[in-house]
Amino acid sequence: MNLDYPYLSSFFSSVEGTTIEKYLINLKVERVKELIVYDQKNLSEIAWELGYSSVAHLSGQFKKVTGFSLSYFKNLKEQKRSSLNDV
């Protein structure tokens, strides 16, 4: 892009209303939610795939963004899942 980071950062913030870092963190958290809901990977695999140093780091950011712990979010998903007999 050949643009200075301060200019790009300022422009991004003015358009999106958030910093580049926070935007990327929010994208990652949305991906975590998706992977949890579809039960495709365990938390260690999710953390590794998204570049977190540990599940604890992922968990901290997830809670900061959503207000929920990873385990609480996983339990919400389980409670909303209907058995095949109920469908």
C-alpha atoms as a PDB file:
ATOM      1  CA  MET A   1       0.000   0.000   0.000  1.00  0.00           C
ATOM      2  CA  ASN A   2       3.024   2.238   0.449  1.00  0.00           C
ATOM      3  CA  LEU A   3       1.376   4.231   3.253  1.00  0.00           C
ATOM      4  CA  ASP A   4       2.791   5.193   6.639  1.00  0.00           C
ATOM      5  CA  TYR A   5       1.321   3.194   9.504  1.00  0.00           C
ATOM      6  CA  PRO A   6       0.181   6.276  11.477  1.00  0.00           C
ATOM      7  CA  TYR A   7      -1.769   7.532   8.447  1.00  0.00           C
ATOM      8  CA  LEU A   8      -3.238   4.115   7.711  1.00  0.00           C
ATOM      9  CA  SER A   9      -4.147   3.580  11.370  1.00  0.00           C
ATOM     10  CA  SER A  10      -5.814   6.980  11.626  1.00  0.00           C
ATOM     11  CA  PHE A  11      -7.718   6.465   8.379  1.00  0.00           C
ATOM     12  CA  PHE A  12      -8.852   2.982   9.427  1.00  0.00           C
ATOM     13  CA  SER A  13     -10.049   4.283  12.800  1.00  0.00           C
ATOM     14  CA  SER A  14     -11.999   7.116  11.193  1.00  0.00           C
ATOM     15  CA  VAL A  15     -13.774   4.696   8.842  1.00  0.00           C
ATOM     16  CA  GLU A  16     -14.337   1.734  11.180  1.00  0.00           C
ATOM     17  CA  GLY A  17     -14.613   3.558  14.513  1.00  0.00           C
ATOM     18  CA  THR A  18     -12.046   1.289  16.146  1.00  0.00           C
ATOM     19  CA  THR A  19      -8.344   0.568  15.990  1.00  0.00           C
ATOM     20  CA  ILE A  20      -6.866  -1.991  13.624  1.00  0.00           C
ATOM     21  CA  GLU A  21      -5.831  -4.128  16.591  1.00  0.00           C
ATOM     22  CA  LYS A  22      -9.295  -4.156  18.174  1.00  0.00           C
ATOM     23  CA  TYR A  23     -10.869  -4.879  14.804  1.00  0.00           C
ATOM     24  CA  LEU A  24      -8.627  -7.915  14.300  1.00  0.00           C
ATOM     25  CA  ILE A  25      -9.266  -9.142  17.844  1.00  0.00           C
ATOM     26  CA  ASN A  26     -13.020  -8.899  17.251  1.00  0.00           C
ATOM     27  CA  LEU A  27     -12.654 -10.884  14.012  1.00  0.00           C
ATOM     28  CA  LYS A  28     -10.728 -13.578  15.865  1.00  0.00           C
ATOM     29  CA  VAL A  29     -13.343 -13.741  18.620  1.00  0.00           C
ATOM     30  CA  GLU A  30     -16.100 -14.159  16.020  1.00  0.00           C
ATOM     31  CA  ARG A  31     -14.114 -17.016  14.482  1.00  0.00           C
ATOM     32  CA  VAL A  32     -13.719 -18.596  17.937  1.00  0.00           C
ATOM     33  CA  LYS A  33     -17.492 -18.426  18.430  1.00  0.00           C
ATOM     34  CA  GLU A  34     -18.035 -20.071  15.058  1.00  0.00           C
ATOM     35  CA  LEU A  35     -15.602 -22.895  15.801  1.00  0.00           C
ATOM     36  CA  ILE A  36     -17.164 -23.479  19.222  1.00  0.00           C
ATOM     37  CA  VAL A  37     -20.721 -23.505  17.870  1.00  0.00           C
ATOM     38  CA  TYR A  38     -19.855 -25.929  15.086  1.00  0.00           C
ATOM     39  CA  ASP A  39     -17.730 -27.998  17.484  1.00  0.00           C
ATOM     40  CA  GLN A  40     -14.978 -28.414  14.908  1.00  0.00           C
ATOM     41  CA  LYS A  41     -11.922 -28.099  17.157  1.00  0.00           C
ATOM     42  CA  ASN A  42     -10.962 -28.144  20.801  1.00  0.00           C
ATOM     43  CA  LEU A  43      -9.832 -24.955  22.539  1.00  0.00           C
ATOM     44  CA  SER A  44      -6.124 -25.741  22.200  1.00  0.00           C
ATOM     45  CA  GLU A  45      -6.501 -26.207  18.459  1.00  0.00           C
ATOM     46  CA  ILE A  46      -8.535 -23.011  18.177  1.00  0.00           C
ATOM     47  CA  ALA A  47      -5.939 -21.033  20.134  1.00  0.00           C
ATOM     48  CA  TRP A  48      -3.101 -22.371  17.972  1.00  0.00           C
ATOM     49  CA  GLU A  49      -4.984 -21.783  14.698  1.00  0.00           C
ATOM     50  CA  LEU A  50      -5.695 -18.156  15.569  1.00  0.00           C
ATOM     51  CA  GLY A  51      -2.186 -17.377  16.777  1.00  0.00           C
ATOM     52  CA  TYR A  52      -2.746 -17.212  20.530  1.00  0.00           C
ATOM     53  CA  SER A  53       0.133 -18.240  22.761  1.00  0.00           C
ATOM     54  CA  SER A  54      -2.167 -20.279  24.990  1.00  0.00           C
ATOM     55  CA  VAL A  55      -5.790 -21.117  25.743  1.00  0.00           C
ATOM     56  CA  ALA A  56      -5.495 -18.792  28.751  1.00  0.00           C
ATOM     57  CA  HIS A  57      -4.587 -15.858  26.474  1.00  0.00           C
ATOM     58  CA  LEU A  58      -7.463 -16.707  24.122  1.00  0.00           C
ATOM     59  CA  SER A  59      -9.817 -17.035  27.073  1.00  0.00           C
ATOM     60  CA  GLY A  60      -8.796 -13.642  28.458  1.00  0.00           C
ATOM     61  CA  GLN A  61      -9.411 -11.861  25.165  1.00  0.00           C
ATOM     62  CA  PHE A  62     -12.666 -13.726  24.602  1.00  0.00           C
ATOM     63  CA  LYS A  63     -13.974 -12.658  28.005  1.00  0.00           C
ATOM     64  CA  LYS A  64     -12.805  -9.077  27.487  1.00  0.00           C
ATOM     65  CA  VAL A  65     -14.685  -8.824  24.170  1.00  0.00           C
ATOM     66  CA  THR A  66     -17.826 -10.863  24.929  1.00  0.00           C
ATOM     67  CA  GLY A  67     -18.143 -10.691  28.704  1.00  0.00           C
ATOM     68  CA  PHE A  68     -18.376 -14.500  28.758  1.00  0.00           C
ATOM     69  CA  SER A  69     -15.816 -17.119  29.628  1.00  0.00           C
ATOM     70  CA  LEU A  70     -15.108 -19.739  26.974  1.00  0.00           C
ATOM     71  CA  SER A  71     -16.638 -22.463  29.153  1.00  0.00           C
ATOM     72  CA  TYR A  72     -19.795 -20.410  29.733  1.00  0.00           C
ATOM     73  CA  PHE A  73     -20.140 -19.809  25.972  1.00  0.00           C
ATOM     74  CA  LYS A  74     -19.648 -23.519  25.268  1.00  0.00           C
ATOM     75  CA  ASN A  75     -22.329 -24.372  27.836  1.00  0.00           C
ATOM     76  CA  LEU A  76     -24.756 -21.902  26.222  1.00  0.00           C
ATOM     77  CA  LYS A  77     -24.254 -23.688  22.929  1.00  0.00           C
ATOM     78  CA  GLU A  78     -24.913 -27.068  24.532  1.00  0.00           C
ATOM     79  CA  GLN A  79     -28.117 -25.843  26.208  1.00  0.00           C
ATOM     80  CA  LYS A  80     -29.541 -24.555  22.926  1.00  0.00           C
ATOM     81  CA  ARG A  81     -28.793 -27.733  21.018  1.00  0.00           C
ATOM     82  CA  SER A  82     -31.906 -29.911  20.609  1.00  0.00           C
ATOM     83  CA  SER A  83     -31.741 -33.663  20.540  1.00  0.00           C
ATOM     84  CA  LEU A  84     -32.881 -35.418  17.391  1.00  0.00           C
ATOM     85  CA  ASN A  85     -35.880 -36.807  19.283  1.00  0.00           C
ATOM     86  CA  ASP A  86     -37.100 -33.250  19.926  1.00  0.00           C
ATOM     87  CA  VAL A  87     -36.867 -32.122  16.320  1.00  0.00           C
END
